[in-house]
Amino acid sequence: MRAPSRRWPAGASLLLTAALLTGCGDSAAGPAPRSPTPDSPVQLCTKLISYWAEQDLIGSKWAGLDWEQKGLSNEQFALYDDIVQAARGEQRRNGTAAALELARRQARQRCEAAGGATRSSENWRPPT
């Protein structure tokens, strides 16, 4: 009976290394996809206020969260509060669909006018 050859593990290691390295080189697929561009402060403000106004207007169980739990700045919360009050009036007069449209439109307009409304209260301090 022959002893097993020591060359096989070395040869297998060489083949495995070569196979792995071929995945690290240039590929014909082109460059990797770009990371998504983060939302601007205005886009983020609009999305947050529109979303939470909708939750409020449809009576979602999440509507009762406070401004911090909703991820709103103080300034965004002030906008949200005004927008929801106006949308509730619209909802009484013309229904939920009209109220949601008003809330989206006002959120976009007011967030644009406020540059994203990112200002928080004067009591806020950055982490140390």
Foldseek 3Di string as FASTA:
>chain_A
DDDDDPVVVVVVVVVVVVVVVVVVDDDPVDDDDDDDDDDFLLVVLLVLLLVLLLCVLVVHPPNPDDCVVSVHAPQSVVQSVVLSVVLVVVCVVPNNVRSSVSSSVSSNVVCVVVRNRRDHDPPDDDDD
